[in-house]
PDB file of N, CA and C in Angstrom:
ATOM      1  N   MET A   1     182.990-112.365 -19.840  1.00  0.00           N
ATOM      2  CA  MET A   1     182.137-112.108 -20.988  1.00  0.00           C
ATOM      3  C   MET A   1     182.246-110.634 -21.355  1.00  0.00           C
ATOM      4  N   ALA A   2     182.454-110.343 -22.611  1.00  0.00           N
ATOM      5  CA  ALA A   2     182.531-108.968 -23.095  1.00  0.00           C
ATOM      6  C   ALA A   2     181.149-108.321 -23.018  1.00  0.00           C
ATOM      7  N   ASP A   3     181.136-107.003 -22.921  1.00  0.00           N
ATOM      8  CA  ASP A   3     179.879-106.271 -22.779  1.00  0.00           C
ATOM      9  C   ASP A   3     178.882-106.574 -23.886  1.00  0.00           C
ATOM     10  N   LYS A   4     179.348-106.679 -25.116  1.00  0.00           N
ATOM     11  CA  LYS A   4     178.438-106.852 -26.244  1.00  0.00           C
ATOM     12  C   LYS A   4     178.464-108.255 -26.817  1.00  0.00           C
ATOM     13  N   GLU A   5     178.999-109.188 -26.061  1.00  0.00           N
ATOM     14  CA  GLU A   5     179.044-110.566 -26.528  1.00  0.00           C
ATOM     15  C   GLU A   5     177.626-111.109 -26.621  1.00  0.00           C
ATOM     16  N   LYS A   6     177.319-111.733 -27.738  1.00  0.00           N
ATOM     17  CA  LYS A   6     175.987-112.301 -27.930  1.00  0.00           C
ATOM     18  C   LYS A   6     175.911-113.648 -27.222  1.00  0.00           C
ATOM     19  N   LEU A   7     174.887-113.813 -26.416  1.00  0.00           N
ATOM     20  CA  LEU A   7     174.703-115.076 -25.698  1.00  0.00           C
ATOM     21  C   LEU A   7     173.913-116.058 -26.539  1.00  0.00           C
ATOM     22  N   GLU A   8     174.242-117.307 -26.426  1.00  0.00           N
ATOM     23  CA  GLU A   8     173.505-118.352 -27.117  1.00  0.00           C
ATOM     24  C   GLU A   8     172.622-119.051 -26.104  1.00  0.00           C
ATOM     25  N   TRP A   9     171.318-118.859 -26.217  1.00  0.00           N
ATOM     26  CA  TRP A   9     170.355-119.388 -25.253  1.00  0.00           C
ATOM     27  C   TRP A   9     169.869-120.767 -25.687  1.00  0.00           C
ATOM     28  N   THR A  10     169.659-121.642 -24.730  1.00  0.00           N
ATOM     29  CA  THR A  10     169.115-122.972 -24.970  1.00  0.00           C
ATOM     30  C   THR A  10     167.821-123.096 -24.181  1.00  0.00           C
ATOM     31  N   ASN A  11     166.730-123.412 -24.872  1.00  0.00           N
ATOM     32  CA  ASN A  11     165.446-123.586 -24.201  1.00  0.00           C
ATOM     33  C   ASN A  11     165.425-124.892 -23.420  1.00  0.00           C
ATOM     34  N   VAL A  12     164.763-124.856 -22.269  1.00  0.00           N
ATOM     35  CA  VAL A  12     164.626-126.024 -21.415  1.00  0.00           C
ATOM     36  C   VAL A  12     163.143-126.299 -21.231  1.00  0.00           C
ATOM     37  N   ASN A  13     162.743-127.550 -21.336  1.00  0.00           N
ATOM     38  CA  ASN A  13     161.349-127.938 -21.161  1.00  0.00           C
ATOM     39  C   ASN A  13     161.080-128.201 -19.679  1.00  0.00           C
ATOM     40  N   PRO A  14     160.354-127.302 -18.999  1.00  0.00           N
ATOM     41  CA  PRO A  14     160.102-127.493 -17.569  1.00  0.00           C
ATOM     42  C   PRO A  14     159.290-128.758 -17.269  1.00  0.00           C
ATOM     43  N   ALA A  15     158.550-129.255 -18.256  1.00  0.00           N
ATOM     44  CA  ALA A  15     157.781-130.490 -18.041  1.00  0.00           C
ATOM     45  C   ALA A  15     158.710-131.682 -17.831  1.00  0.00           C
ATOM     46  N   SER A  16     159.976-131.539 -18.200  1.00  0.00           N
ATOM     47  CA  SER A  16     160.931-132.629 -18.030  1.00  0.00           C
ATOM     48  C   SER A  16     161.572-132.652 -16.635  1.00  0.00           C
ATOM     49  N   PHE A  17     161.286-131.634 -15.810  1.00  0.00           N
ATOM     50  CA  PHE A  17     161.874-131.568 -14.471  1.00  0.00           C
ATOM     51  C   PHE A  17     161.302-132.662 -13.579  1.00  0.00           C
ATOM     52  N   LYS A  18     162.146-133.208 -12.742  1.00  0.00           N
ATOM     53  CA  LYS A  18     161.740-134.275 -11.816  1.00  0.00           C
ATOM     54  C   LYS A  18     162.175-133.900 -10.398  1.00  0.00           C
ATOM     55  N   GLY A  19     161.485-134.458  -9.418  1.00  0.00           N
ATOM     56  CA  GLY A  19     161.879-134.340  -8.021  1.00  0.00           C
ATOM     57  C   GLY A  19     162.007-132.913  -7.524  1.00  0.00           C
ATOM     58  N   GLU A  20     163.145-132.638  -6.845  1.00  0.00           N
ATOM     59  CA  GLU A  20     163.373-131.329  -6.244  1.00  0.00           C
ATOM     60  C   GLU A  20     163.404-130.210  -7.278  1.00  0.00           C
ATOM     61  N   LEU A  21     163.899-130.506  -8.471  1.00  0.00           N
ATOM     62  CA  LEU A  21     163.945-129.497  -9.517  1.00  0.00           C
ATOM     63  C   LEU A  21     162.528-129.080  -9.916  1.00  0.00           C
ATOM     64  N   ALA A  22     161.625-130.060 -10.072  1.00  0.00           N
ATOM     65  CA  ALA A  22     160.231-129.762 -10.409  1.00  0.00           C
ATOM     66  C   ALA A  22     159.559-128.987  -9.290  1.00  0.00           C
ATOM     67  N   THR A  23     159.814-129.374  -8.037  1.00  0.00           N
ATOM     68  CA  THR A  23     159.234-128.683  -6.892  1.00  0.00           C
ATOM     69  C   THR A  23     159.747-127.243  -6.814  1.00  0.00           C
ATOM     70  N   GLY A  24     161.045-127.071  -7.001  1.00  0.00           N
ATOM     71  CA  GLY A  24     161.632-125.736  -6.982  1.00  0.00           C
ATOM     72  C   GLY A  24     161.099-124.853  -8.088  1.00  0.00           C
ATOM     73  N   TYR A  25     160.932-125.429  -9.269  1.00  0.00           N
ATOM     74  CA  TYR A  25     160.407-124.661 -10.401  1.00  0.00           C
ATOM     75  C   TYR A  25     158.963-124.240 -10.125  1.00  0.00           C
ATOM     76  N   ALA A  26     158.151-125.159  -9.613  1.00  0.00           N
ATOM     77  CA  ALA A  26     156.760-124.833  -9.294  1.00  0.00           C
ATOM     78  C   ALA A  26     156.686-123.719  -8.250  1.00  0.00           C
ATOM     79  N   ALA A  27     157.559-123.760  -7.259  1.00  0.00           N
ATOM     80  CA  ALA A  27     157.600-122.711  -6.235  1.00  0.00           C
ATOM     81  C   ALA A  27     157.982-121.368  -6.856  1.00  0.00           C
ATOM     82  N   MET A  28     158.939-121.395  -7.790  1.00  0.00           N
ATOM     83  CA  MET A  28     159.351-120.162  -8.453  1.00  0.00           C
ATOM     84  C   MET A  28     158.208-119.582  -9.292  1.00  0.00           C
ATOM     85  N   VAL A  29     157.500-120.422 -10.011  1.00  0.00           N
ATOM     86  CA  VAL A  29     156.379-119.971 -10.832  1.00  0.00           C
ATOM     87  C   VAL A  29     155.311-119.327  -9.937  1.00  0.00           C
ATOM     88  N   GLU A  30     155.000-119.968  -8.818  1.00  0.00           N
ATOM     89  CA  GLU A  30     154.001-119.424  -7.896  1.00  0.00           C
ATOM     90  C   GLU A  30     154.473-118.096  -7.306  1.00  0.00           C
ATOM     91  N   ALA A  31     155.735-118.017  -6.923  1.00  0.00           N
ATOM     92  CA  ALA A  31     156.284-116.769  -6.373  1.00  0.00           C
ATOM     93  C   ALA A  31     156.218-115.646  -7.405  1.00  0.00           C
ATOM     94  N   ASN A  32     156.475-115.972  -8.669  1.00  0.00           N
ATOM     95  CA  ASN A  32     156.380-114.958  -9.729  1.00  0.00           C
ATOM     96  C   ASN A  32     154.952-114.449  -9.875  1.00  0.00           C
ATOM     97  N   LYS A  33     153.953-115.319  -9.722  1.00  0.00           N
ATOM     98  CA  LYS A  33     152.552-114.892  -9.792  1.00  0.00           C
ATOM     99  C   LYS A  33     152.222-113.935  -8.653  1.00  0.00           C
ATOM    100  N   VAL A  34     152.688-114.258  -7.453  1.00  0.00           N
ATOM    101  CA  VAL A  34     152.452-113.405  -6.287  1.00  0.00           C
ATOM    102  C   VAL A  34     153.154-112.061  -6.477  1.00  0.00           C
ATOM    103  N   ALA A  35     154.395-112.095  -6.945  1.00  0.00           N
ATOM    104  CA  ALA A  35     155.148-110.865  -7.171  1.00  0.00           C
ATOM    105  C   ALA A  35     154.490-109.996  -8.238  1.00  0.00           C
ATOM    106  N   LYS A  36     153.970-110.611  -9.295  1.00  0.00           N
ATOM    107  CA  LYS A  36     153.298-109.867 -10.360  1.00  0.00           C
ATOM    108  C   LYS A  36     152.064-109.168  -9.814  1.00  0.00           C
ATOM    109  N   ALA A  37     151.274-109.866  -9.011  1.00  0.00           N
ATOM    110  CA  ALA A  37     150.067-109.271  -8.434  1.00  0.00           C
ATOM    111  C   ALA A  37     150.429-108.102  -7.517  1.00  0.00           C
ATOM    112  N   ALA A  38     151.463-108.261  -6.703  1.00  0.00           N
ATOM    113  CA  ALA A  38     151.899-107.185  -5.799  1.00  0.00           C
ATOM    114  C   ALA A  38     152.410-105.990  -6.599  1.00  0.00           C
ATOM    115  N   ARG A  39     153.186-106.253  -7.662  1.00  0.00           N
ATOM    116  CA  ARG A  39     153.708-105.175  -8.502  1.00  0.00           C
ATOM    117  C   ARG A  39     152.570-104.404  -9.168  1.00  0.00           C
ATOM    118  N   GLU A  40     151.581-105.130  -9.698  1.00  0.00           N
ATOM    119  CA  GLU A  40     150.447-104.474 -10.351  1.00  0.00           C
ATOM    120  C   GLU A  40     149.643-103.640  -9.364  1.00  0.00           C
ATOM    121  N   GLN A  41     149.455-104.146  -8.142  1.00  0.00           N
ATOM    122  CA  GLN A  41     148.740-103.396  -7.116  1.00  0.00           C
ATOM    123  C   GLN A  41     149.510-102.127  -6.745  1.00  0.00           C
ATOM    124  N   PHE A  42     150.822-102.254  -6.540  1.00  0.00           N
ATOM    125  CA  PHE A  42     151.644-101.093  -6.216  1.00  0.00           C
ATOM    126  C   PHE A  42     151.594-100.062  -7.335  1.00  0.00           C
ATOM    127  N   GLN A  43     151.731-100.508  -8.581  1.00  0.00           N
ATOM    128  CA  GLN A  43     151.738 -99.586  -9.710  1.00  0.00           C
ATOM    129  C   GLN A  43     150.415 -98.842  -9.819  1.00  0.00           C
ATOM    130  N   ALA A  44     149.307 -99.520  -9.573  1.00  0.00           N
ATOM    131  CA  ALA A  44     147.999 -98.853  -9.602  1.00  0.00           C
ATOM    132  C   ALA A  44     147.913 -97.793  -8.509  1.00  0.00           C
ATOM    133  N   GLN A  45     148.392 -98.118  -7.311  1.00  0.00           N
ATOM    134  CA  GLN A  45     148.386 -97.153  -6.213  1.00  0.00           C
ATOM    135  C   GLN A  45     149.307 -95.974  -6.520  1.00  0.00           C
ATOM    136  N   ALA A  46     150.487 -96.259  -7.059  1.00  0.00           N
ATOM    137  CA  ALA A  46     151.436 -95.197  -7.390  1.00  0.00           C
ATOM    138  C   ALA A  46     150.877 -94.312  -8.498  1.00  0.00           C
ATOM    139  N   GLU A  47     150.242 -94.910  -9.496  1.00  0.00           N
ATOM    140  CA  GLU A  47     149.664 -94.120 -10.580  1.00  0.00           C
ATOM    141  C   GLU A  47     148.593 -93.184 -10.043  1.00  0.00           C
ATOM    142  N   THR A  48     147.752 -93.686  -9.151  1.00  0.00           N
ATOM    143  CA  THR A  48     146.721 -92.841  -8.538  1.00  0.00           C
ATOM    144  C   THR A  48     147.374 -91.663  -7.813  1.00  0.00           C
ATOM    145  N   GLY A  49     148.405 -91.933  -7.043  1.00  0.00           N
ATOM    146  CA  GLY A  49     149.099 -90.871  -6.316  1.00  0.00           C
ATOM    147  C   GLY A  49     149.770 -89.870  -7.242  1.00  0.00           C
ATOM    148  N   LEU A  50     150.410 -90.348  -8.297  1.00  0.00           N
ATOM    149  CA  LEU A  50     151.084 -89.458  -9.247  1.00  0.00           C
ATOM    150  C   LEU A  50     150.080 -88.558  -9.964  1.00  0.00           C
ATOM    151  N   ARG A  51     148.950 -89.132 -10.343  1.00  0.00           N
ATOM    152  CA  ARG A  51     147.925 -88.337 -11.031  1.00  0.00           C
ATOM    153  C   ARG A  51     147.285 -87.327 -10.065  1.00  0.00           C
ATOM    154  N   LYS A  52     147.025 -87.764  -8.839  1.00  0.00           N
ATOM    155  CA  LYS A  52     146.435 -86.879  -7.838  1.00  0.00           C
ATOM    156  C   LYS A  52     147.362 -85.699  -7.549  1.00  0.00           C
ATOM    157  N   ALA A  53     148.654 -85.940  -7.526  1.00  0.00           N
ATOM    158  CA  ALA A  53     149.654 -84.892  -7.271  1.00  0.00           C
ATOM    159  C   ALA A  53     149.965 -84.085  -8.537  1.00  0.00           C
ATOM    160  N   LYS A  54     149.296 -84.411  -9.645  1.00  0.00           N
ATOM    161  CA  LYS A  54     149.493 -83.729 -10.932  1.00  0.00           C
ATOM    162  C   LYS A  54     150.938 -83.839 -11.434  1.00  0.00           C
ATOM    163  N   LEU A  55     151.580 -84.961 -11.146  1.00  0.00           N
ATOM    164  CA  LEU A  55     152.939 -85.200 -11.623  1.00  0.00           C
ATOM    165  C   LEU A  55     152.953 -85.879 -12.992  1.00  0.00           C
ATOM    166  N   VAL A  56     151.769 -86.350 -13.422  1.00  0.00           N
ATOM    167  CA  VAL A  56     151.636 -87.020 -14.712  1.00  0.00           C
ATOM    168  C   VAL A  56     150.364 -86.497 -15.376  1.00  0.00           C
ATOM    169  N   SER A  57     150.456 -86.215 -16.661  1.00  0.00           N
ATOM    170  CA  SER A  57     149.295 -85.736 -17.415  1.00  0.00           C
ATOM    171  C   SER A  57     148.254 -86.840 -17.548  1.00  0.00           C
ATOM    172  N   ASP A  58     146.989 -86.451 -17.548  1.00  0.00           N
ATOM    173  CA  ASP A  58     145.908 -87.435 -17.678  1.00  0.00           C
ATOM    174  C   ASP A  58     145.913 -88.135 -19.025  1.00  0.00           C
ATOM    175  N   ASP A  59     146.465 -87.484 -20.051  1.00  0.00           N
ATOM    176  CA  ASP A  59     146.469 -88.079 -21.385  1.00  0.00           C
ATOM    177  C   ASP A  59     147.707 -88.933 -21.655  1.00  0.00           C
ATOM    178  N   MET A  60     148.498 -89.186 -20.610  1.00  0.00           N
ATOM    179  CA  MET A  60     149.710 -89.991 -20.752  1.00  0.00           C
ATOM    180  C   MET A  60     149.595 -91.272 -19.940  1.00  0.00           C
ATOM    181  N   ASP A  61     150.236 -92.329 -20.421  1.00  0.00           N
ATOM    182  CA  ASP A  61     150.371 -93.566 -19.654  1.00  0.00           C
ATOM    183  C   ASP A  61     151.631 -93.462 -18.806  1.00  0.00           C
ATOM    184  N   ILE A  62     151.732 -94.335 -17.818  1.00  0.00           N
ATOM    185  CA  ILE A  62     152.901 -94.360 -16.954  1.00  0.00           C
ATOM    186  C   ILE A  62     153.570 -95.718 -17.079  1.00  0.00           C
ATOM    187  N   LYS A  63     154.878 -95.710 -17.239  1.00  0.00           N
ATOM    188  CA  LYS A  63     155.682 -96.932 -17.223  1.00  0.00           C
ATOM    189  C   LYS A  63     156.572 -96.878 -15.991  1.00  0.00           C
ATOM    190  N   PHE A  64     156.709 -97.995 -15.312  1.00  0.00           N
ATOM    191  CA  PHE A  64     157.548 -98.077 -14.124  1.00  0.00           C
ATOM    192  C   PHE A  64     158.772 -98.932 -14.426  1.00  0.00           C
ATOM    193  N   SER A  65     159.863 -98.612 -13.751  1.00  0.00           N
ATOM    194  CA  SER A  65     161.090 -99.386 -13.843  1.00  0.00           C
ATOM    195  C   SER A  65     161.547 -99.705 -12.431  1.00  0.00           C
ATOM    196  N   PHE A  66     161.843-100.960 -12.186  1.00  0.00           N
ATOM    197  CA  PHE A  66     162.348-101.418 -10.901  1.00  0.00           C
ATOM    198  C   PHE A  66     163.699-102.072 -11.170  1.00  0.00           C
ATOM    199  N   ARG A  67     164.778-101.302 -11.016  1.00  0.00           N
ATOM    200  CA  ARG A  67     166.117-101.829 -11.329  1.00  0.00           C
ATOM    201  C   ARG A  67     167.099-101.429 -10.251  1.00  0.00           C
ATOM    202  N   PHE A  68     167.886-102.389  -9.859  1.00  0.00           N
ATOM    203  CA  PHE A  68     168.981-102.142  -8.921  1.00  0.00           C
ATOM    204  C   PHE A  68     168.493-101.502  -7.623  1.00  0.00           C
ATOM    205  N   GLY A  69     167.311-101.898  -7.165  1.00  0.00           N
ATOM    206  CA  GLY A  69     166.774-101.384  -5.910  1.00  0.00           C
ATOM    207  C   GLY A  69     166.146-100.003  -6.022  1.00  0.00           C
ATOM    208  N   ASN A  70     166.042 -99.471  -7.224  1.00  0.00           N
ATOM    209  CA  ASN A  70     165.453 -98.147  -7.432  1.00  0.00           C
ATOM    210  C   ASN A  70     164.117 -98.274  -8.140  1.00  0.00           C
ATOM    211  N   ILE A  71     163.284 -97.272  -7.952  1.00  0.00           N
ATOM    212  CA  ILE A  71     162.002 -97.200  -8.653  1.00  0.00           C
ATOM    213  C   ILE A  71     161.997 -95.902  -9.444  1.00  0.00           C
ATOM    214  N   ALA A  72     161.612 -95.990 -10.713  1.00  0.00           N
ATOM    215  CA  ALA A  72     161.508 -94.808 -11.563  1.00  0.00           C
ATOM    216  C   ALA A  72     160.227 -94.926 -12.381  1.00  0.00           C
ATOM    217  N   PHE A  73     159.751 -93.785 -12.875  1.00  0.00           N
ATOM    218  CA  PHE A  73     158.598 -93.814 -13.759  1.00  0.00           C
ATOM    219  C   PHE A  73     158.832 -92.863 -14.916  1.00  0.00           C
ATOM    220  N   ALA A  74     158.120 -93.127 -16.000  1.00  0.00           N
ATOM    221  CA  ALA A  74     158.189 -92.265 -17.178  1.00  0.00           C
ATOM    222  C   ALA A  74     156.796 -92.123 -17.754  1.00  0.00           C
ATOM    223  N   GLU A  75     156.543 -90.960 -18.330  1.00  0.00           N
ATOM    224  CA  GLU A  75     155.285 -90.749 -19.048  1.00  0.00           C
ATOM    225  C   GLU A  75     155.453 -91.276 -20.470  1.00  0.00           C
ATOM    226  N   VAL A  76     154.423 -91.937 -20.961  1.00  0.00           N
ATOM    227  CA  VAL A  76     154.456 -92.501 -22.306  1.00  0.00           C
ATOM    228  C   VAL A  76     153.200 -92.059 -23.034  1.00  0.00           C
ATOM    229  N   ASP A  77     153.378 -91.594 -24.250  1.00  0.00           N
ATOM    230  CA  ASP A  77     152.248 -91.174 -25.070  1.00  0.00           C
ATOM    231  C   ASP A  77     151.356 -92.379 -25.341  1.00  0.00           C
ATOM    232  N   LYS A  78     150.086 -92.287 -24.989  1.00  0.00           N
ATOM    233  CA  LYS A  78     149.156 -93.409 -25.165  1.00  0.00           C
ATOM    234  C   LYS A  78     149.043 -93.826 -26.623  1.00  0.00           C
ATOM    235  N   VAL A  79     149.036 -92.878 -27.541  1.00  0.00           N
ATOM    236  CA  VAL A  79     148.889 -93.191 -28.962  1.00  0.00           C
ATOM    237  C   VAL A  79     150.144 -93.858 -29.492  1.00  0.00           C
ATOM    238  N   ALA A  80     151.293 -93.323 -29.204  1.00  0.00           N
ATOM    239  CA  ALA A  80     152.548 -93.865 -29.724  1.00  0.00           C
ATOM    240  C   ALA A  80     152.791 -95.276 -29.218  1.00  0.00           C
ATOM    241  N   LYS A  81     152.399 -95.548 -27.986  1.00  0.00           N
ATOM    242  CA  LYS A  81     152.616 -96.859 -27.389  1.00  0.00           C
ATOM    243  C   LYS A  81     151.879 -97.955 -28.144  1.00  0.00           C
ATOM    244  N   SER A  82     150.718 -97.652 -28.679  1.00  0.00           N
ATOM    245  CA  SER A  82     149.909 -98.694 -29.310  1.00  0.00           C
ATOM    246  C   SER A  82     150.191 -98.850 -30.807  1.00  0.00           C
ATOM    247  N   ALA A  83     151.025 -98.002 -31.369  1.00  0.00           N
ATOM    248  CA  ALA A  83     151.310 -98.085 -32.798  1.00  0.00           C
ATOM    249  C   ALA A  83     152.267 -99.232 -33.092  1.00  0.00           C
ATOM    250  N   PRO A  84     152.081 -99.919 -34.202  1.00  0.00           N
ATOM    251  CA  PRO A  84     153.030-100.975 -34.590  1.00  0.00           C
ATOM    252  C   PRO A  84     154.414-100.374 -34.780  1.00  0.00           C
ATOM    253  N   LYS A  85     155.450-101.209 -34.637  1.00  0.00           N
ATOM    254  CA  LYS A  85     156.821-100.710 -34.714  1.00  0.00           C
ATOM    255  C   LYS A  85     157.151-100.075 -36.059  1.00  0.00           C
ATOM    256  N   ASP A  86     156.515-100.530 -37.116  1.00  0.00           N
ATOM    257  CA  ASP A  86     156.846 -99.988 -38.426  1.00  0.00           C
ATOM    258  C   ASP A  86     155.948 -98.814 -38.810  1.00  0.00           C
ATOM    259  N   ALA A  87     155.089 -98.357 -37.905  1.00  0.00           N
ATOM    260  CA  ALA A  87     154.189 -97.241 -38.196  1.00  0.00           C
ATOM    261  C   ALA A  87     154.704 -95.979 -37.521  1.00  0.00           C
ATOM    262  N   ILE A  88     154.345 -94.858 -38.088  1.00  0.00           N
ATOM    263  CA  ILE A  88     154.671 -93.578 -37.460  1.00  0.00           C
ATOM    264  C   ILE A  88     153.374 -92.830 -37.221  1.00  0.00           C
ATOM    265  N   ASN A  89     153.380 -91.936 -36.253  1.00  0.00           N
ATOM    266  CA  ASN A  89     152.225 -91.080 -35.991  1.00  0.00           C
ATOM    267  C   ASN A  89     152.489 -89.712 -36.595  1.00  0.00           C
ATOM    268  N   LEU A  90     151.520 -89.215 -37.335  1.00  0.00           N
ATOM    269  CA  LEU A  90     151.646 -87.902 -37.958  1.00  0.00           C
ATOM    270  C   LEU A  90     150.830 -86.882 -37.216  1.00  0.00           C
TER     271      LEU A  90
END
């Protein structure tokens, strides 16, 4: 597949899954819920630590990235984040 090749996605109805496929899907959904809760807990703890260490301004939000086994964070302007895509801040 070329780097910029557009993929054609096909939606699948999980309600149509039967047997082992349905069981596997349910397990995956549950695991994703557990992972989401753990990620949110970690991010809250990390944000507290970053703010306590004065590595992030109090008037900024923090975004986390978990890619390729690495963890990174970025400061995000609270106002800009909430603006609609077609709006600008003056």
